[in-house]
Amino acid sequence: MATGRSDVLYVGSAAGFSGDRTDATGPVVDALIEAAGPAVLIFETLAERTLALAQLARRQDASAGYEPLLDDLLEPILGRCLKHGIRIVSNFGAANPQGAARHILAMAARLGLRNPRVAVVLGDDLLAEDESLWRARLPDRSVVSANAYLGAEAIADALRAGADIVVCGRVADPSLVLGPALAHFGWAMNDWDRLAGGTMTGHLLECGAQVSGGYYADPGFKDVPGLANIGFPVAEIHADGSCIIGKPSGTGGRIDTHSVKEQLLYEIHDPKAYLTPDVVADIGSATVTEVGPDRVRLTGVRGHPRPDELKVNICYENGWLAEGEISYAGARAEARARLAADILRERLKGLGLLRVDLIGVFSVFADDSGKSYSQRQPGHGRDVRLRVALSHQDRTAAERLTREVNALYTCGPAGGGGVRTSIRARLGLESCTVTRDHIHMRYAFIEDET
């Protein structure tokens, strides 16, 4: 890693989703300190379902609704980040950015650290902002969350105003990186090529160890060393919008043109028109070049004017999902599992579509309708786990599945064991767009209340 350069912004990624490894942060912070230049640490922890679950948690407890692993993520590195001027940007605010910010202030006080300046980015939560923007789409649903994907501007503004930590709710994942780049380099909001370069750097970092070879690994085909100690990525962003992606020394994983290209194409739909709140990025003529061991340069990203509208995700209550599993082993195991499935279909007739999987024989490639299951010829599997699932708007009806799976123990067929059942609330998701003038994006500092 190049070190000691003020014309480079160093950005490390320490999480790619809520529930990611919490011990990966230390080596990333070590690398940022070693870089001896302006540095930012990001945590991307907010999937669509994660945000809806956070809203449900806040319904139960008004002080909840932010990243539940906040202590595990921040406590080990907060002191070093404050000491070395490493700023932190994350969407771990989820449904309650203010609550997360107050938690961080209390954490700093508990650890005997100086009081950090913590800003929150607001405006994404349309439940709180303006119900009329989404209510017409789902007039008869119990809506859990409605959040617009914000861009990078408020993050940049908060950093320019002196924030040590910026806590967001729903922002576009790449904006967590573009915001610091805007603040550091002073790029204009219509400097499309640089905005696109910063956005694609964020896209490479947003999934954590995925670009370091994690999700890329496929033994014998795409071998990756040291996955048990995989290093999370660190980017060197340059003033022209180009970047170099690397990882902390001494960590496992693999960063090369192959892993970087896979991540570049992840979830973008159209490589020449990747829509984000900040810019439409075009990687059609981008160049990916290895410049050293575990160091890859990205150049040539082009940008086009950002969309006129912002994406909104709306999550709503959508009944209950009941699941049950039971195992069969030995001679004729598959035949017994199929018989158990037939029994359940008959017992639960009239409740709706029953999903059936034979784990170890036919599950991932099956379908909800059961057509592919019925067309597959029975085999001679000797170790089969039957999984059945039922979605229903009424919890009592869904619970019937769990009781019937338990009954297979003695009601047959023979030799079933290891029953597991569960029932949980199910969430539905719809997406729409709203014009930018309906969204009031802003930042605010949260003061220490102790």
Protein backbone atom coordinates (compact mmCIF):
# COMPACT_ATOMS: atom_id res chain seq x y z
CA MET A 1 0.00 0.00 0.00
CA ALA A 2 1.20 3.49 -0.86
CA THR A 3 1.73 5.47 2.34
CA GLY A 4 1.91 9.04 3.53
CA ARG A 5 0.15 10.63 0.56
CA SER A 6 -2.32 13.45 1.18
CA ASP A 7 -3.51 13.30 -2.44
CA VAL A 8 -4.90 9.82 -1.81
CA LEU A 9 -7.93 8.93 0.34
CA TYR A 10 -7.67 5.56 2.05
CA VAL A 11 -10.98 3.80 2.68
CA GLY A 12 -11.26 0.46 4.47
CA SER A 13 -14.32 -1.77 4.53
CA ALA A 14 -15.01 -3.57 7.80
CA ALA A 15 -18.42 -5.17 7.14
CA GLY A 16 -20.46 -6.25 4.14
CA PHE A 17 -23.73 -7.06 5.92
CA SER A 18 -25.29 -7.19 9.36
CA GLY A 19 -23.81 -10.27 11.00
CA ASP A 20 -20.47 -10.11 9.20
CA ARG A 21 -17.29 -11.05 11.08
CA THR A 22 -16.53 -8.54 13.79
CA ASP A 23 -12.85 -9.46 14.15
CA ALA A 24 -12.00 -8.34 10.61
CA THR A 25 -11.92 -4.68 11.64
CA GLY A 26 -8.58 -4.74 13.47
CA PRO A 27 -6.35 -5.52 10.46
CA VAL A 28 -8.22 -2.95 8.35
CA VAL A 29 -7.61 -0.23 10.94
CA ASP A 30 -3.96 -1.32 11.18
CA ALA A 31 -3.64 -0.84 7.41
CA LEU A 32 -5.29 2.60 7.54
CA ILE A 33 -2.94 3.72 10.32
CA GLU A 34 0.04 2.39 8.39
CA ALA A 35 -1.06 4.35 5.32
CA ALA A 36 -0.36 7.56 7.28
CA GLY A 37 -2.78 9.57 5.18
CA PRO A 38 -6.42 10.73 5.29
CA ALA A 39 -8.49 7.65 6.05
CA VAL A 40 -12.08 6.50 6.46
CA LEU A 41 -13.50 3.24 7.80
CA ILE A 42 -16.88 2.10 6.47
CA PHE A 43 -19.33 -0.53 7.68
CA GLU A 44 -22.09 -1.63 5.28
CA THR A 45 -24.64 -3.48 7.42
CA LEU A 46 -28.06 -2.70 5.96
CA ALA A 47 -29.79 -5.11 3.59
CA GLU A 48 -33.43 -4.54 2.64
CA ARG A 49 -34.75 -7.14 5.06
CA THR A 50 -32.37 -5.92 7.78
CA LEU A 51 -33.98 -2.49 7.71
CA ALA A 52 -37.50 -3.88 7.92
CA LEU A 53 -36.53 -6.04 10.90
CA ALA A 54 -34.97 -2.97 12.51
CA GLN A 55 -38.28 -1.12 12.13
CA LEU A 56 -40.06 -4.03 13.80
CA ALA A 57 -37.53 -3.94 16.65
CA ARG A 58 -38.12 -0.22 17.11
CA ARG A 59 -41.86 -0.83 17.36
CA GLN A 60 -41.15 -3.00 20.40
CA ASP A 61 -38.53 -0.68 21.90
CA ALA A 62 -38.22 2.95 20.81
CA SER A 63 -34.53 2.96 21.73
CA ALA A 64 -33.75 -0.03 19.47
CA GLY A 65 -33.77 -0.36 15.70
CA TYR A 66 -30.07 0.05 14.88
CA GLU A 67 -27.27 -2.47 14.27
CA PRO A 68 -27.40 -5.02 17.13
CA LEU A 69 -23.67 -5.77 16.85
CA LEU A 70 -22.65 -2.12 17.22
CA ASP A 71 -20.60 -2.76 20.36
CA ASP A 72 -18.77 -5.70 18.80
CA LEU A 73 -17.97 -3.70 15.67
CA LEU A 74 -16.85 -0.43 17.24
CA GLU A 75 -15.53 -1.01 20.76
CA PRO A 76 -12.26 -2.72 19.71
CA ILE A 77 -11.27 0.04 17.27
CA LEU A 78 -13.07 3.25 18.29
CA GLY A 79 -10.19 4.55 20.41
CA ARG A 80 -7.60 3.98 17.70
CA CYS A 81 -9.77 5.58 15.04
CA LEU A 82 -10.28 8.71 17.15
CA LYS A 83 -6.57 8.86 18.05
CA HIS A 84 -5.41 8.59 14.43
CA GLY A 85 -8.13 10.71 12.84
CA ILE A 86 -9.77 7.82 10.98
CA ARG A 87 -13.34 8.81 10.31
CA ILE A 88 -16.14 6.27 10.40
CA VAL A 89 -19.11 6.16 8.01
CA SER A 90 -21.81 3.50 8.19
CA ASN A 91 -25.46 2.72 7.63
CA PHE A 92 -25.66 0.90 10.95
CA GLY A 93 -28.21 3.48 12.04
CA ALA A 94 -30.84 1.39 10.20
CA ALA A 95 -34.27 2.47 11.50
CA ASN A 96 -32.87 4.60 14.33
CA PRO A 97 -29.74 6.60 13.38
CA GLN A 98 -30.19 8.92 16.36
CA GLY A 99 -30.32 5.94 18.72
CA ALA A 100 -27.13 4.52 17.22
CA ALA A 101 -25.40 7.89 17.52
CA ARG A 102 -26.33 8.21 21.20
CA HIS A 103 -25.14 4.66 21.78
CA ILE A 104 -21.76 5.54 20.24
CA LEU A 105 -21.44 8.64 22.43
CA ALA A 106 -22.19 6.55 25.51
CA MET A 107 -19.68 3.94 24.34
CA ALA A 108 -16.94 6.55 23.99
CA ALA A 109 -17.66 7.84 27.49
CA ARG A 110 -17.65 4.33 28.93
CA LEU A 111 -14.28 3.63 27.30
CA GLY A 112 -12.80 6.88 28.61
CA LEU A 113 -12.34 8.34 25.12
CA ARG A 114 -12.76 11.91 23.98
CA ASN A 115 -16.26 12.90 22.97
CA PRO A 116 -16.54 12.25 19.21
CA ARG A 117 -18.56 14.47 16.91
CA VAL A 118 -21.31 12.18 15.64
CA ALA A 119 -23.62 13.20 12.81
CA VAL A 120 -26.69 11.40 11.51
CA VAL A 121 -28.03 11.48 7.96
CA LEU A 122 -31.81 11.86 7.83
CA GLY A 123 -34.55 11.94 5.21
CA ASP A 124 -34.72 8.34 4.04
CA ASP A 125 -37.47 7.18 6.43
CA LEU A 126 -40.72 7.98 4.64
CA LEU A 127 -42.78 6.53 7.49
CA ALA A 128 -41.58 9.50 9.49
CA GLU A 129 -41.26 11.99 6.62
CA ASP A 130 -44.31 11.76 4.34
CA GLU A 131 -46.77 8.86 4.30
CA SER A 132 -48.48 10.15 1.15
CA LEU A 133 -45.43 9.19 -0.91
CA TRP A 134 -46.14 5.46 -0.52
CA ARG A 135 -49.60 4.91 0.99
CA ALA A 136 -51.43 4.90 -2.37
CA ARG A 137 -49.40 1.89 -3.52
CA LEU A 138 -50.33 -0.27 -0.53
CA PRO A 139 -53.58 1.12 0.88
CA ASP A 140 -54.63 -2.13 2.58
CA ARG A 141 -51.28 -3.33 3.89
CA SER A 142 -49.69 -2.93 7.29
CA VAL A 143 -46.50 -1.19 6.22
CA VAL A 144 -43.40 -1.85 8.32
CA SER A 145 -40.87 0.38 6.55
CA ALA A 146 -40.67 2.76 3.61
CA ASN A 147 -37.20 4.07 2.88
CA ALA A 148 -35.69 6.03 0.04
CA TYR A 149 -32.15 5.35 -1.11
CA LEU A 150 -30.25 8.54 -0.36
CA GLY A 151 -27.00 9.57 -1.99
CA ALA A 152 -23.65 10.84 -0.80
CA GLU A 153 -24.19 14.59 -0.41
CA ALA A 154 -25.31 14.68 3.21
CA ILE A 155 -22.47 12.35 4.20
CA ALA A 156 -19.99 14.69 2.53
CA ASP A 157 -21.58 17.74 4.16
CA ALA A 158 -21.35 16.15 7.61
CA LEU A 159 -17.69 15.28 7.12
CA ARG A 160 -16.91 18.80 5.89
CA ALA A 161 -18.60 20.11 9.04
CA GLY A 162 -16.18 18.12 11.19
CA ALA A 163 -17.94 14.85 11.93
CA ASP A 164 -15.75 12.06 13.27
CA ILE A 165 -18.51 9.53 12.71
CA VAL A 166 -21.44 9.67 10.27
CA VAL A 167 -24.36 7.36 11.02
CA CYS A 168 -26.82 6.72 8.20
CA GLY A 169 -30.02 4.82 7.68
CA ARG A 170 -30.87 3.85 4.12
CA VAL A 171 -28.31 5.25 1.72
CA ALA A 172 -27.08 3.59 -1.44
CA ASP A 173 -24.22 1.31 -0.46
CA PRO A 174 -21.59 2.93 -2.75
CA SER A 175 -22.50 6.35 -1.33
CA LEU A 176 -20.81 5.36 1.94
CA VAL A 177 -17.52 5.66 0.03
CA LEU A 178 -18.44 8.40 -2.43
CA GLY A 179 -19.42 10.75 0.43
CA PRO A 180 -15.93 10.76 1.97
CA ALA A 181 -14.38 11.14 -1.50
CA LEU A 182 -16.58 14.17 -2.20
CA ALA A 183 -15.56 15.74 1.10
CA HIS A 184 -11.86 15.02 0.61
CA PHE A 185 -11.38 15.93 -3.05
CA GLY A 186 -14.07 18.58 -3.40
CA TRP A 187 -15.56 17.04 -6.52
CA ALA A 188 -18.53 18.88 -7.99
CA MET A 189 -21.87 17.07 -7.98
CA ASN A 190 -21.91 17.17 -11.79
CA ASP A 191 -18.37 15.88 -12.29
CA TRP A 192 -19.89 12.68 -13.56
CA ASP A 193 -16.75 10.69 -14.38
CA ARG A 194 -15.18 11.25 -10.96
CA LEU A 195 -18.48 10.57 -9.21
CA ALA A 196 -18.78 7.33 -11.17
CA GLY A 197 -15.23 6.33 -10.26
CA GLY A 198 -15.89 6.95 -6.58
CA THR A 199 -19.18 5.08 -6.84
CA MET A 200 -17.59 2.00 -8.36
CA THR A 201 -14.89 2.07 -5.69
CA GLY A 202 -17.72 1.99 -3.18
CA HIS A 203 -19.30 -0.85 -5.11
CA LEU A 204 -16.08 -2.85 -4.80
CA LEU A 205 -15.90 -2.24 -1.04
CA GLU A 206 -19.55 -2.54 -0.07
CA CYS A 207 -19.67 -6.34 0.26
CA GLY A 208 -16.61 -6.58 2.48
CA ALA A 209 -14.55 -9.72 1.88
CA GLN A 210 -16.47 -10.63 -1.25
CA VAL A 211 -13.93 -8.73 -3.40
CA SER A 212 -11.08 -10.31 -1.42
CA GLY A 213 -12.03 -13.74 -2.71
CA GLY A 214 -14.69 -14.78 -0.19
CA TYR A 215 -17.76 -15.27 -2.34
CA TYR A 216 -15.43 -15.83 -5.29
CA ALA A 217 -13.87 -19.02 -3.89
CA ASP A 218 -14.66 -22.34 -5.57
CA PRO A 219 -12.15 -25.11 -4.69
CA GLY A 220 -10.35 -26.63 -7.65
CA PHE A 221 -11.74 -23.99 -9.98
CA LYS A 222 -11.09 -20.67 -8.23
CA ASP A 223 -8.81 -21.42 -5.30
CA VAL A 224 -8.40 -18.78 -2.59
CA PRO A 225 -5.81 -19.16 0.20
CA GLY A 226 -6.42 -18.42 3.86
CA LEU A 227 -10.20 -18.01 3.80
CA ALA A 228 -10.41 -18.58 7.56
CA ASN A 229 -8.44 -15.34 7.99
CA ILE A 230 -9.64 -13.46 4.94
CA GLY A 231 -8.65 -9.81 4.74
CA PHE A 232 -11.27 -7.15 4.14
CA PRO A 233 -10.53 -4.64 1.36
CA VAL A 234 -8.83 -1.27 1.56
CA ALA A 235 -9.05 1.21 -1.32
CA GLU A 236 -6.69 3.99 -2.32
CA ILE A 237 -8.84 6.59 -4.07
CA HIS A 238 -7.16 9.15 -6.31
CA ALA A 239 -8.29 12.63 -7.28
CA ASP A 240 -9.19 11.54 -10.82
CA GLY A 241 -11.68 8.98 -9.48
CA SER A 242 -9.48 5.94 -10.09
CA CYS A 243 -8.62 3.56 -7.29
CA ILE A 244 -6.41 0.69 -6.21
CA ILE A 245 -8.01 -2.13 -4.24
CA GLY A 246 -5.87 -4.09 -1.78
CA LYS A 247 -6.08 -5.76 1.62
CA PRO A 248 -4.12 -5.75 4.88
CA SER A 249 -0.78 -7.55 4.79
CA GLY A 250 -0.68 -10.94 6.47
CA THR A 251 -4.36 -11.69 5.87
CA GLY A 252 -5.86 -14.42 3.73
CA GLY A 253 -7.83 -14.06 0.56
CA ARG A 254 -7.07 -13.10 -3.00
CA ILE A 255 -7.45 -9.79 -4.82
CA ASP A 256 -6.76 -9.98 -8.54
CA THR A 257 -8.46 -9.02 -11.78
CA HIS A 258 -10.78 -12.02 -11.55
CA SER A 259 -12.14 -11.30 -8.06
CA VAL A 260 -12.45 -7.58 -8.83
CA LYS A 261 -14.32 -8.16 -12.09
CA GLU A 262 -16.78 -10.46 -10.35
CA GLN A 263 -17.53 -7.81 -7.74
CA LEU A 264 -17.75 -5.05 -10.37
CA LEU A 265 -20.59 -6.94 -12.05
CA TYR A 266 -22.37 -7.86 -8.81
CA GLU A 267 -26.01 -6.65 -8.73
CA ILE A 268 -25.57 -3.85 -11.29
CA HIS A 269 -27.95 -5.13 -14.02
CA ASP A 270 -26.52 -3.00 -16.85
CA PRO A 271 -22.73 -2.47 -16.83
CA LYS A 272 -23.12 0.65 -18.98
CA ALA A 273 -25.88 2.17 -16.84
CA TYR A 274 -25.57 1.33 -13.14
CA LEU A 275 -28.20 3.54 -11.51
CA THR A 276 -27.36 5.15 -8.18
CA PRO A 277 -28.71 8.27 -6.45
CA ASP A 278 -25.48 10.14 -7.25
CA VAL A 279 -24.63 9.17 -10.82
CA VAL A 280 -25.30 6.64 -13.57
CA ALA A 281 -22.02 4.70 -13.73
CA ASP A 282 -20.70 3.13 -16.93
CA ILE A 283 -17.99 0.46 -16.68
CA GLY A 284 -18.24 -0.53 -20.34
CA SER A 285 -14.78 0.88 -21.08
CA ALA A 286 -13.26 0.50 -17.61
CA THR A 287 -9.85 -1.13 -17.19
CA VAL A 288 -8.86 -3.51 -14.40
CA THR A 289 -5.10 -3.99 -13.98
CA GLU A 290 -2.98 -5.88 -11.45
CA VAL A 291 -0.29 -3.54 -10.13
CA GLY A 292 1.18 -5.83 -7.48
CA PRO A 293 0.38 -8.81 -5.26
CA ASP A 294 -3.23 -8.39 -4.07
CA ARG A 295 -3.37 -4.90 -5.63
CA VAL A 296 -5.69 -4.06 -8.52
CA ARG A 297 -6.22 -0.69 -10.18
CA LEU A 298 -9.60 0.40 -11.59
CA THR A 299 -9.58 3.19 -14.20
CA GLY A 300 -11.73 4.41 -17.05
CA VAL A 301 -15.12 4.45 -15.34
CA ARG A 302 -17.44 6.93 -17.02
CA GLY A 303 -20.42 8.72 -15.55
CA HIS A 304 -23.72 10.16 -16.75
CA PRO A 305 -26.23 12.49 -15.03
CA ARG A 306 -27.95 10.95 -12.03
CA PRO A 307 -31.58 9.75 -12.25
CA ASP A 308 -34.38 12.25 -11.64
CA GLU A 309 -36.05 9.88 -9.18
CA LEU A 310 -34.93 7.91 -6.14
CA LYS A 311 -35.72 4.29 -5.41
CA VAL A 312 -37.97 3.52 -2.43
CA ASN A 313 -38.35 0.10 -0.79
CA ILE A 314 -41.59 -0.58 1.07
CA CYS A 315 -41.79 -3.58 3.42
CA TYR A 316 -45.12 -4.78 4.76
CA GLU A 317 -46.52 -7.54 6.94
CA ASN A 318 -47.22 -10.56 4.76
CA GLY A 319 -48.46 -13.34 6.98
CA TRP A 320 -46.48 -16.23 8.41
CA LEU A 321 -43.94 -18.76 7.18
CA ALA A 322 -43.99 -22.19 8.82
CA GLU A 323 -41.19 -24.69 8.21
CA GLY A 324 -40.57 -28.25 9.29
CA GLU A 325 -37.75 -30.73 8.71
CA ILE A 326 -37.27 -34.43 9.42
CA SER A 327 -34.47 -36.83 8.44
CA TYR A 328 -34.56 -40.36 7.03
CA ALA A 329 -31.49 -42.57 6.64
CA GLY A 330 -30.58 -46.05 5.50
CA ALA A 331 -32.29 -48.36 3.03
CA ARG A 332 -35.23 -46.79 1.16
CA ALA A 333 -34.67 -43.44 2.91
CA GLU A 334 -35.74 -41.42 -0.11
CA ALA A 335 -38.90 -43.48 -0.54
CA ARG A 336 -39.83 -42.88 3.11
CA ALA A 337 -39.16 -39.15 2.78
CA ARG A 338 -41.40 -38.99 -0.29
CA LEU A 339 -44.12 -40.88 1.55
CA ALA A 340 -43.88 -38.41 4.44
CA ALA A 341 -44.29 -35.55 1.95
CA ASP A 342 -47.38 -37.20 0.47
CA ILE A 343 -48.87 -37.59 3.95
CA LEU A 344 -48.29 -33.91 4.73
CA ARG A 345 -49.86 -32.82 1.45
CA GLU A 346 -52.98 -34.80 2.25
CA ARG A 347 -53.17 -33.65 5.87
CA LEU A 348 -52.69 -29.98 4.93
CA LYS A 349 -54.91 -29.98 1.86
CA GLY A 350 -56.71 -26.69 1.36
CA LEU A 351 -54.21 -24.54 3.26
CA GLY A 352 -52.33 -23.43 0.16
CA LEU A 353 -49.14 -24.27 -1.68
CA LEU A 354 -46.84 -26.60 0.24
CA ARG A 355 -43.16 -26.33 -0.69
CA VAL A 356 -41.36 -29.69 -0.52
CA ASP A 357 -37.58 -30.21 -0.67
CA LEU A 358 -35.53 -33.37 -0.35
CA ILE A 359 -32.29 -31.99 1.04
CA GLY A 360 -29.41 -34.10 -0.17
CA VAL A 361 -31.40 -35.25 -3.20
CA PHE A 362 -33.43 -32.41 -4.69
CA SER A 363 -33.83 -29.02 -3.05
CA VAL A 364 -31.90 -26.06 -4.51
CA PHE A 365 -33.04 -26.92 -8.04
CA ALA A 366 -36.66 -27.53 -7.04
CA ASP A 367 -39.50 -25.02 -7.43
CA ASP A 368 -42.43 -23.81 -5.34
CA SER A 369 -45.06 -25.35 -7.62
CA GLY A 370 -43.79 -28.89 -7.06
CA LYS A 371 -43.73 -29.60 -10.79
CA SER A 372 -40.03 -30.39 -10.94
CA TYR A 373 -40.36 -32.54 -7.81
CA SER A 374 -43.12 -34.64 -9.34
CA GLN A 375 -41.22 -35.04 -12.61
CA ARG A 376 -38.04 -36.28 -10.95
CA GLN A 377 -37.79 -40.04 -10.81
CA PRO A 378 -37.35 -41.46 -7.30
CA GLY A 379 -33.80 -42.47 -6.53
CA HIS A 380 -32.03 -44.47 -3.89
CA GLY A 381 -30.78 -41.76 -1.53
CA ARG A 382 -29.73 -43.17 1.84
CA ASP A 383 -29.44 -39.87 3.72
CA VAL A 384 -32.36 -37.54 3.06
CA ARG A 385 -33.78 -34.62 4.99
CA LEU A 386 -37.33 -33.63 4.15
CA ARG A 387 -38.14 -29.93 4.37
CA VAL A 388 -41.66 -28.57 3.97
CA ALA A 389 -42.78 -24.95 4.13
CA LEU A 390 -46.11 -23.15 4.06
CA SER A 391 -46.90 -19.46 3.81
CA HIS A 392 -50.26 -18.31 5.19
CA GLN A 393 -51.82 -15.05 6.30
CA ASP A 394 -53.22 -16.71 9.43
CA ARG A 395 -50.75 -17.85 12.09
CA THR A 396 -53.03 -20.59 13.43
CA ALA A 397 -53.28 -22.14 9.97
CA ALA A 398 -49.51 -21.96 9.50
CA GLU A 399 -48.95 -23.65 12.87
CA ARG A 400 -50.78 -26.73 11.60
CA LEU A 401 -47.74 -27.55 9.48
CA THR A 402 -45.42 -27.64 12.50
CA ARG A 403 -47.78 -29.96 14.37
CA GLU A 404 -48.11 -32.32 11.41
CA VAL A 405 -44.35 -32.58 10.94
CA ASN A 406 -43.94 -33.43 14.62
CA ALA A 407 -46.63 -36.10 14.25
CA LEU A 408 -44.51 -37.94 11.68
CA TYR A 409 -42.38 -39.25 14.55
CA THR A 410 -44.89 -41.98 15.37
CA CYS A 411 -47.56 -41.66 12.70
CA GLY A 412 -45.02 -42.79 10.12
CA PRO A 413 -43.30 -43.56 7.93
CA ALA A 414 -40.61 -45.46 9.81
CA GLY A 415 -37.30 -44.14 11.02
CA GLY A 416 -37.84 -40.38 11.00
CA GLY A 417 -35.81 -38.25 13.38
CA GLY A 418 -34.22 -34.91 14.06
CA VAL A 419 -37.41 -32.88 13.68
CA ARG A 420 -37.01 -29.11 13.65
CA THR A 421 -39.91 -26.69 13.21
CA SER A 422 -40.22 -22.93 13.18
CA ILE A 423 -42.75 -20.22 12.45
CA ARG A 424 -41.97 -16.58 11.87
CA ALA A 425 -43.57 -13.42 10.55
CA ARG A 426 -43.10 -12.93 6.84
CA LEU A 427 -42.36 -9.59 5.19
CA GLY A 428 -43.27 -8.54 1.67
CA LEU A 429 -41.31 -6.02 -0.38
CA GLU A 430 -42.34 -3.59 -3.10
CA SER A 431 -40.20 -0.98 -4.80
CA CYS A 432 -41.14 2.28 -6.45
CA THR A 433 -39.53 5.64 -7.23
CA VAL A 434 -40.24 9.18 -6.06
CA THR A 435 -39.00 12.47 -7.44
CA ARG A 436 -36.09 14.05 -5.62
CA ASP A 437 -38.03 17.13 -4.58
CA HIS A 438 -40.10 14.94 -2.23
CA ILE A 439 -37.01 13.86 -0.27
CA HIS A 440 -35.52 16.15 2.37
CA MET A 441 -31.99 14.77 2.80
CA ARG A 442 -30.00 16.42 5.59
CA TYR A 443 -27.56 15.80 8.42
CA ALA A 444 -27.60 16.74 12.09
CA PHE A 445 -25.11 16.44 14.94
CA ILE A 446 -26.14 14.45 17.99
CA GLU A 447 -24.96 15.92 21.26
CA ASP A 448 -23.74 13.98 24.27
CA GLU A 449 -26.67 13.72 26.70
CA THR A 450 -24.74 12.22 29.61
